[in-house]
Amino acid sequence: MRAQMQPTNTGRLAFVAEWFHVEAGITHTYLLTFHLSDGAVEVFDQRSKKTFLRRTKIPELTRRDFFVGSKINVFGRQFDIVDYADEITRNTLAKYRKRAFVLLKSSMWPKNLGEFLTTLIDNKININNALMVQFTPKTVTQFLSSKQDDDVHTSVLMNELLAGPAISLELIGDNVAEIISACSKYNTENASTTIELSSSMQQLFEREEVRYGFYCPEREENVPNDLKFFFEERHSIAKDCRFKNSTLAIIKPHCIKDGYLGQILNEILTSGFKIEAMRMLLMARVNCEEFYEVYRGILPEFIPMVAQLASGVCMCLEIVSEDPDKNSHEEFRSFCGPMDPEIAKLLRPHTLRSKFGISKVLNAVHCTDLPDDTNLELQYMFKILE
């Protein structure tokens, strides 16, 4: 059974966090504290020995956002949590709150991505990072070169990864590496007897196309190497945008935090659209302002729109209509619905914003407004931002 996190005796979680000052090229170290009683955050500058942020409640941040490896956006400044700051926090979280890596093969994800992610999220496994990748013989050899000691049929896996785009995912959850490993062996002679899977996980992974449709490390100690290969090192494996009859979609942070990522992706992939490129981002506030600059002075919601986009990770997608004769931009913009979800519910109840939107700011997805801006927005999200 999955162990549950217990509250600390002090009522707070303390972490070592880093912020990279781009202009100066310097990394600053901070003590970042999350108070469990009221959800407030404190930030102390270790170098100057001064308080950077007094105890302040940030509604967008919850306890589940804080773990080693996460990226926290505090009023537009991105902090990378790199370590625990005290033994109480370490003992509370390190034992259970783990990272895992999975690589979804091209044979599986186009039909099962939405259900796969929804099942994980429903089982309290968070998606912390995602990237669509396209292997070449050189890059797949680099990736598999470290798998010689694992129980991996490298020649078979190599052919599967060269067959089409794959999706790499960083997962966060209690004992998640053990759970994912158990899922990969579910209903086989190598099935684990120590991990009890939920009924929804059993139903998903009893299907061979799902169970054999992804790769995960055999041993938990190999997870950091795979995460580093896909999300830190530069191997030129990110799937390029096609920039032809395509458009940009962004699944906003509030939907990801509310657990709707898988459901929205499922809606997209079962409604006549394909995903040609994908990456998950945590955008700095300055980048959010730059991206939304066209709306400054036009939409009264400009400032809260920026704050929402900067409040957490978002999922960027290059969307293409399955029908090559259709205009992808027009089709997807219509599929998203009116900006105001209340209007969408009245006039376009089957659209994404009607189903998942809350307000003009929390309206689930961004889609490119003008056809001439599609390539500009795709370039910004997939090329300019690193």
Protein backbone atom coordinates (compact mmCIF):
# COMPACT_ATOMS: atom_id res chain seq x y z
CA MET A 1 0.00 0.00 0.00
CA ARG A 2 1.18 3.52 -0.69
CA ALA A 3 2.35 5.30 2.44
CA GLN A 4 0.91 8.70 3.19
CA MET A 5 2.94 11.77 4.09
CA GLN A 6 2.67 12.81 7.72
CA PRO A 7 2.77 16.42 8.89
CA THR A 8 5.99 17.69 10.40
CA ASN A 9 6.22 18.42 14.10
CA THR A 10 7.07 22.03 13.40
CA GLY A 11 4.17 22.67 11.01
CA ARG A 12 6.46 23.73 8.20
CA LEU A 13 8.51 22.38 5.31
CA ALA A 14 11.96 23.88 4.76
CA PHE A 15 14.01 23.64 1.58
CA VAL A 16 17.20 24.91 0.00
CA ALA A 17 16.27 26.72 -3.19
CA GLU A 18 18.26 28.37 -5.96
CA TRP A 19 17.49 31.29 -8.24
CA PHE A 20 19.63 31.96 -11.30
CA HIS A 21 20.20 35.66 -11.99
CA VAL A 22 20.42 35.67 -15.78
CA GLU A 23 21.92 39.15 -16.23
CA ALA A 24 24.67 38.57 -13.66
CA GLY A 25 25.16 34.90 -14.45
CA ILE A 26 25.07 34.10 -10.73
CA THR A 27 23.09 31.50 -8.80
CA HIS A 28 21.74 32.71 -5.46
CA THR A 29 20.81 30.31 -2.65
CA TYR A 30 17.76 30.80 -0.44
CA LEU A 31 16.00 29.13 2.46
CA LEU A 32 12.42 28.57 1.29
CA THR A 33 9.83 27.72 3.95
CA PHE A 34 6.23 26.59 3.43
CA HIS A 35 3.95 26.90 6.48
CA LEU A 36 1.40 24.09 6.66
CA SER A 37 -1.08 25.93 8.89
CA ASP A 38 -1.91 28.75 6.49
CA GLY A 39 -0.10 27.89 3.23
CA ALA A 40 2.22 30.88 3.58
CA VAL A 41 5.71 31.08 2.07
CA GLU A 42 8.87 32.67 3.45
CA VAL A 43 12.10 33.22 1.54
CA PHE A 44 15.42 34.04 3.23
CA ASP A 45 18.52 35.08 1.27
CA GLN A 46 21.38 32.94 2.57
CA ARG A 47 24.07 35.15 1.03
CA SER A 48 22.97 38.52 2.34
CA LYS A 49 21.40 37.06 5.51
CA LYS A 50 18.27 39.09 4.84
CA THR A 51 14.61 38.21 4.42
CA PHE A 52 13.71 38.24 0.74
CA LEU A 53 9.98 37.57 1.30
CA ARG A 54 8.19 37.81 4.61
CA ARG A 55 5.61 35.18 5.48
CA THR A 56 3.07 35.61 2.66
CA LYS A 57 0.21 33.43 1.55
CA ILE A 58 0.34 32.58 -2.17
CA PRO A 59 -2.99 30.98 -3.15
CA GLU A 60 -1.54 29.25 -6.22
CA LEU A 61 0.91 27.20 -4.13
CA THR A 62 -0.05 24.14 -2.09
CA ARG A 63 1.85 21.56 -0.09
CA ARG A 64 2.08 19.21 -3.07
CA ASP A 65 4.10 21.84 -5.00
CA PHE A 66 7.02 21.54 -2.58
CA PHE A 67 9.52 18.74 -3.05
CA VAL A 68 13.13 18.34 -4.13
CA GLY A 69 13.26 18.79 -7.88
CA SER A 70 10.26 21.09 -8.17
CA LYS A 71 10.24 24.61 -9.56
CA ILE A 72 8.34 27.23 -7.55
CA ASN A 73 7.24 30.54 -9.03
CA VAL A 74 7.11 33.24 -6.33
CA PHE A 75 5.86 36.55 -7.70
CA GLY A 76 7.54 35.95 -11.05
CA ARG A 77 10.85 34.62 -9.74
CA GLN A 78 11.53 30.93 -10.38
CA PHE A 79 13.12 29.01 -7.51
CA ASP A 80 14.53 25.52 -8.05
CA ILE A 81 14.23 23.39 -4.92
CA VAL A 82 17.52 21.47 -4.74
CA ASP A 83 17.60 20.00 -1.20
CA TYR A 84 15.90 19.71 2.16
CA ALA A 85 16.87 22.39 4.68
CA ASP A 86 16.36 20.32 7.84
CA GLU A 87 16.11 16.70 8.92
CA ILE A 88 12.44 16.95 9.86
CA THR A 89 11.47 17.92 6.32
CA ARG A 90 13.83 15.29 4.90
CA ASN A 91 12.39 12.54 7.10
CA THR A 92 8.85 13.62 6.29
CA LEU A 93 9.15 13.79 2.51
CA ALA A 94 12.23 11.94 1.30
CA LYS A 95 10.99 8.53 2.37
CA TYR A 96 7.83 8.71 0.29
CA ARG A 97 7.83 11.67 -2.10
CA LYS A 98 9.80 10.33 -5.04
CA ARG A 99 10.50 10.99 -8.71
CA ALA A 100 10.00 8.56 -11.56
CA PHE A 101 10.61 8.57 -15.29
CA VAL A 102 8.52 7.08 -18.07
CA LEU A 103 8.90 7.21 -21.84
CA LEU A 104 5.70 6.70 -23.82
CA LYS A 105 6.28 4.98 -27.16
CA SER A 106 4.72 6.11 -30.42
CA SER A 107 2.75 2.85 -30.56
CA MET A 108 0.90 3.78 -27.37
CA TRP A 109 0.50 7.48 -26.66
CA PRO A 110 -1.60 8.76 -29.62
CA LYS A 111 -4.56 6.65 -28.47
CA ASN A 112 -3.88 6.36 -24.75
CA LEU A 113 -2.08 9.53 -23.58
CA GLY A 114 -5.12 11.21 -22.03
CA GLU A 115 -6.30 8.11 -20.18
CA PHE A 116 -2.74 7.29 -19.07
CA LEU A 117 -2.19 10.72 -17.50
CA THR A 118 -5.69 10.91 -16.01
CA THR A 119 -5.21 7.57 -14.27
CA LEU A 120 -1.87 8.66 -12.82
CA ILE A 121 -3.27 11.99 -11.66
CA ASP A 122 -6.33 10.34 -10.09
CA ASN A 123 -3.87 8.19 -8.12
CA LYS A 124 -2.09 11.29 -6.80
CA ILE A 125 0.87 11.02 -9.17
CA ASN A 126 1.75 14.45 -10.54
CA ILE A 127 3.23 15.27 -13.95
CA ASN A 128 6.20 17.50 -13.17
CA ASN A 129 7.77 17.72 -16.63
CA ALA A 130 7.03 16.56 -20.16
CA LEU A 131 8.75 16.70 -23.51
CA MET A 132 7.98 15.13 -26.88
CA VAL A 133 11.17 13.73 -28.35
CA GLN A 134 12.27 12.39 -31.73
CA PHE A 135 15.19 9.97 -31.66
CA THR A 136 17.84 9.51 -34.30
CA PRO A 137 20.12 6.45 -34.49
CA LYS A 138 22.80 8.50 -32.72
CA THR A 139 20.64 9.81 -29.87
CA VAL A 140 18.87 6.50 -29.24
CA THR A 141 22.29 4.81 -29.03
CA GLN A 142 23.38 7.45 -26.50
CA PHE A 143 20.26 6.83 -24.43
CA LEU A 144 20.52 3.04 -24.51
CA SER A 145 24.26 2.91 -23.86
CA SER A 146 23.59 3.18 -20.13
CA LYS A 147 21.02 0.36 -20.16
CA GLN A 148 23.39 -2.55 -20.66
CA ASP A 149 23.10 -3.66 -17.03
CA ASP A 150 19.31 -3.35 -16.99
CA ASP A 151 16.86 -6.05 -18.00
CA VAL A 152 16.11 -4.18 -21.22
CA HIS A 153 15.97 -5.70 -24.70
CA THR A 154 17.90 -2.83 -26.25
CA SER A 155 17.52 -3.85 -29.89
CA VAL A 156 13.74 -4.11 -29.57
CA LEU A 157 13.51 -0.84 -27.63
CA MET A 158 15.76 0.90 -30.16
CA ASN A 159 13.45 -0.01 -33.03
CA GLU A 160 10.39 1.07 -31.05
CA LEU A 161 11.91 4.46 -30.22
CA LEU A 162 12.99 5.07 -33.81
CA ALA A 163 9.48 4.29 -35.08
CA GLY A 164 8.07 7.72 -34.17
CA PRO A 165 7.90 10.51 -31.58
CA ALA A 166 7.95 9.51 -27.91
CA ILE A 167 6.84 11.46 -24.84
CA SER A 168 9.17 11.69 -21.84
CA LEU A 169 7.58 12.37 -18.46
CA GLU A 170 8.88 13.19 -15.00
CA LEU A 171 6.45 11.92 -12.36
CA ILE A 172 6.22 12.90 -8.70
CA GLY A 173 4.36 10.89 -6.08
CA ASP A 174 4.54 8.71 -3.02
CA ASN A 175 6.71 5.66 -3.87
CA VAL A 176 6.04 6.45 -7.53
CA ALA A 177 9.08 4.65 -8.97
CA GLU A 178 8.02 1.38 -7.32
CA ILE A 179 4.43 1.85 -8.50
CA ILE A 180 5.40 2.53 -12.13
CA SER A 181 7.75 -0.46 -12.14
CA ALA A 182 4.92 -2.62 -10.80
CA CYS A 183 2.62 -1.28 -13.53
CA SER A 184 5.09 -2.30 -16.23
CA LYS A 185 5.01 -5.88 -14.95
CA TYR A 186 1.33 -6.06 -14.00
CA ASN A 187 -0.43 -9.29 -14.95
CA THR A 188 2.87 -10.93 -15.99
CA GLU A 189 5.00 -13.66 -14.42
CA ASN A 190 7.30 -10.90 -13.09
CA ALA A 191 4.47 -9.04 -11.37
CA SER A 192 5.32 -7.46 -8.03
CA THR A 193 3.59 -8.79 -4.94
CA THR A 194 4.70 -5.95 -2.68
CA ILE A 195 2.85 -3.08 -4.42
CA GLU A 196 -0.93 -3.03 -4.37
CA LEU A 197 -2.28 -1.16 -7.38
CA SER A 198 -5.62 0.66 -7.33
CA SER A 199 -8.45 -0.74 -9.42
CA SER A 200 -8.08 2.07 -11.98
CA MET A 201 -4.37 1.34 -12.36
CA GLN A 202 -5.09 -2.37 -12.76
CA GLN A 203 -7.69 -1.70 -15.45
CA LEU A 204 -5.28 0.50 -17.40
CA PHE A 205 -2.18 -1.67 -17.20
CA GLU A 206 -3.85 -5.00 -17.78
CA ARG A 207 -4.06 -3.88 -21.43
CA GLU A 208 -0.97 -5.03 -23.31
CA GLU A 209 -0.84 -2.00 -25.62
CA VAL A 210 -0.45 0.19 -22.51
CA ARG A 211 1.75 -2.10 -20.42
CA TYR A 212 4.20 -2.67 -23.28
CA GLY A 213 3.77 0.85 -24.63
CA PHE A 214 6.16 2.60 -22.27
CA TYR A 215 9.66 2.32 -20.88
CA CYS A 216 10.66 2.94 -17.27
CA PRO A 217 13.95 2.26 -15.46
CA GLU A 218 14.23 -1.18 -13.89
CA ARG A 219 15.80 0.23 -10.72
CA GLU A 220 14.91 3.38 -8.83
CA GLU A 221 18.55 4.45 -8.60
CA ASN A 222 18.60 4.83 -12.40
CA VAL A 223 15.75 7.36 -12.45
CA PRO A 224 17.99 10.45 -11.98
CA ASN A 225 20.15 9.48 -14.98
CA ASP A 226 17.13 9.21 -17.29
CA LEU A 227 15.66 12.48 -16.03
CA LYS A 228 18.98 14.19 -16.57
CA PHE A 229 19.28 12.83 -20.13
CA PHE A 230 15.86 14.10 -21.20
CA PHE A 231 15.37 17.28 -19.17
CA GLU A 232 18.82 18.66 -18.32
CA GLU A 233 21.39 17.58 -20.87
CA ARG A 234 21.23 18.88 -24.42
CA HIS A 235 21.00 16.01 -26.87
CA SER A 236 18.87 17.75 -29.55
CA ILE A 237 16.10 15.22 -29.04
CA ALA A 238 13.14 17.58 -28.65
CA LYS A 239 10.60 17.04 -31.42
CA ASP A 240 10.60 20.05 -33.75
CA CYS A 241 7.43 21.89 -34.67
CA ARG A 242 6.26 21.51 -38.25
CA PHE A 243 5.20 25.19 -38.56
CA LYS A 244 2.81 24.34 -41.37
CA ASN A 245 -0.97 24.48 -41.01
CA SER A 246 -0.59 24.18 -37.25
CA THR A 247 -1.37 26.29 -34.19
CA LEU A 248 -0.36 26.74 -30.56
CA ALA A 249 -2.31 25.55 -27.54
CA ILE A 250 -1.35 26.13 -23.91
CA ILE A 251 -3.04 24.21 -21.13
CA LYS A 252 -2.97 26.74 -18.30
CA PRO A 253 -1.50 26.16 -14.82
CA HIS A 254 -4.86 26.19 -13.01
CA CYS A 255 -6.08 23.22 -15.08
CA ILE A 256 -2.90 21.26 -14.44
CA LYS A 257 -3.11 21.93 -10.70
CA ASP A 258 -6.77 20.94 -10.67
CA GLY A 259 -5.91 17.61 -12.29
CA TYR A 260 -7.46 18.16 -15.74
CA LEU A 261 -4.33 17.74 -17.88
CA GLY A 262 -5.13 14.20 -19.00
CA GLN A 263 -8.78 14.95 -19.63
CA ILE A 264 -8.01 17.97 -21.81
CA LEU A 265 -5.42 16.05 -23.83
CA ASN A 266 -7.95 13.26 -24.31
CA GLU A 267 -10.54 15.77 -25.56
CA ILE A 268 -8.03 17.15 -28.06
CA LEU A 269 -6.83 13.77 -29.35
CA THR A 270 -10.36 12.37 -29.75
CA SER A 271 -11.79 15.43 -31.51
CA GLY A 272 -9.96 15.40 -34.82
CA PHE A 273 -6.60 16.84 -33.76
CA LYS A 274 -3.03 15.58 -33.53
CA ILE A 275 -0.18 16.76 -31.32
CA GLU A 276 3.00 17.43 -33.30
CA ALA A 277 5.15 18.89 -30.50
CA MET A 278 4.86 19.13 -26.72
CA ARG A 279 6.78 20.65 -23.85
CA MET A 280 5.96 21.58 -20.26
CA LEU A 281 7.22 24.95 -19.04
CA LEU A 282 7.37 27.07 -15.94
CA MET A 283 7.48 30.57 -17.37
CA ALA A 284 9.04 33.58 -15.66
CA ARG A 285 6.70 36.51 -15.23
CA VAL A 286 8.70 38.65 -17.65
CA ASN A 287 8.23 36.00 -20.36
CA CYS A 288 4.50 35.82 -19.64
CA GLU A 289 4.24 39.60 -20.02
CA GLU A 290 6.17 39.44 -23.28
CA PHE A 291 3.99 36.62 -24.62
CA TYR A 292 0.76 38.48 -23.75
CA GLU A 293 2.11 41.90 -24.79
CA VAL A 294 -0.41 42.19 -27.64
CA TYR A 295 -3.21 42.27 -25.04
CA ARG A 296 -1.69 45.04 -22.89
CA GLY A 297 -4.06 48.01 -22.80
CA ILE A 298 -6.69 46.04 -24.73
CA LEU A 299 -7.90 43.43 -22.27
CA PRO A 300 -8.62 44.58 -18.69
CA GLU A 301 -7.63 41.06 -17.60
CA PHE A 302 -4.03 41.53 -18.82
CA ILE A 303 -2.37 41.59 -15.38
CA PRO A 304 -4.27 38.60 -13.92
CA MET A 305 -3.72 36.71 -17.20
CA VAL A 306 0.02 37.19 -16.77
CA ALA A 307 -0.17 36.17 -13.11
CA GLN A 308 -2.06 33.00 -13.99
CA LEU A 309 0.36 31.92 -16.71
CA ALA A 310 3.29 32.53 -14.35
CA SER A 311 1.67 30.71 -11.40
CA GLY A 312 2.86 27.21 -12.29
CA VAL A 313 3.78 24.83 -15.07
CA CYS A 314 1.84 24.97 -18.33
CA MET A 315 1.68 22.49 -21.20
CA CYS A 316 2.54 23.85 -24.66
CA LEU A 317 1.31 21.95 -27.70
CA GLU A 318 1.60 22.28 -31.45
CA ILE A 319 -1.84 21.27 -32.74
CA VAL A 320 -2.65 20.01 -36.22
CA SER A 321 -6.00 18.98 -37.67
CA GLU A 322 -6.20 15.31 -38.64
CA ASP A 323 -7.84 16.43 -41.88
CA PRO A 324 -5.07 18.09 -43.95
CA ASP A 325 -7.69 19.97 -45.98
CA LYS A 326 -8.92 21.83 -42.89
CA ASN A 327 -7.40 24.98 -41.41
CA SER A 328 -5.86 23.86 -38.10
CA HIS A 329 -5.91 27.34 -36.58
CA GLU A 330 -9.59 27.94 -37.32
CA GLU A 331 -10.65 24.44 -36.29
CA PHE A 332 -8.83 24.50 -32.98
CA ARG A 333 -9.83 28.05 -32.09
CA SER A 334 -13.45 27.04 -32.64
CA PHE A 335 -12.89 23.92 -30.54
CA CYS A 336 -11.59 26.04 -27.63
CA GLY A 337 -14.69 28.26 -27.65
CA PRO A 338 -15.26 31.86 -26.49
CA MET A 339 -12.76 33.42 -24.07
CA ASP A 340 -15.44 33.72 -21.37
CA PRO A 341 -16.44 30.22 -20.15
CA GLU A 342 -19.87 31.48 -19.11
CA ILE A 343 -20.61 32.51 -22.69
CA ALA A 344 -19.10 29.23 -23.90
CA LYS A 345 -21.45 27.26 -21.65
CA LEU A 346 -24.44 29.04 -23.19
CA LEU A 347 -23.41 29.12 -26.84
CA ARG A 348 -20.75 26.40 -27.26
CA PRO A 349 -21.26 23.81 -24.49
CA HIS A 350 -19.04 21.19 -26.14
CA THR A 351 -15.91 23.39 -26.24
CA LEU A 352 -12.86 23.10 -23.99
CA ARG A 353 -13.47 26.40 -22.21
CA SER A 354 -17.07 25.46 -21.51
CA LYS A 355 -16.02 22.16 -19.94
CA PHE A 356 -12.89 23.21 -18.06
CA GLY A 357 -12.95 27.01 -17.81
CA ILE A 358 -13.94 29.02 -14.72
CA SER A 359 -13.52 32.67 -15.72
CA LYS A 360 -12.01 34.82 -18.45
CA VAL A 361 -8.61 34.43 -16.78
CA LEU A 362 -9.02 30.82 -15.67
CA ASN A 363 -10.37 29.70 -19.04
CA ALA A 364 -8.42 26.43 -19.29
CA VAL A 365 -6.51 26.94 -22.55
CA HIS A 366 -4.81 29.60 -24.60
CA CYS A 367 -5.13 29.34 -28.37
CA THR A 368 -3.62 31.65 -30.97
CA ASP A 369 -6.06 34.42 -31.89
CA LEU A 370 -4.80 35.52 -35.30
CA PRO A 371 -3.70 33.11 -38.03
CA ASP A 372 -0.64 35.24 -38.82
CA ASP A 373 0.55 34.80 -35.21
CA THR A 374 0.58 30.99 -35.12
CA ASN A 375 4.21 30.54 -36.14
CA LEU A 376 5.32 33.49 -34.00
CA GLU A 377 3.75 31.98 -30.88
CA LEU A 378 5.07 28.51 -31.68
CA GLN A 379 8.55 29.92 -32.20
CA TYR A 380 8.37 31.74 -28.88
CA MET A 381 7.30 28.72 -26.84
CA PHE A 382 9.37 26.03 -28.57
CA LYS A 383 12.46 27.88 -29.80
CA ILE A 384 13.03 31.14 -27.93
CA LEU A 385 12.26 29.98 -24.39
CA GLU A 386 14.86 27.54 -23.11
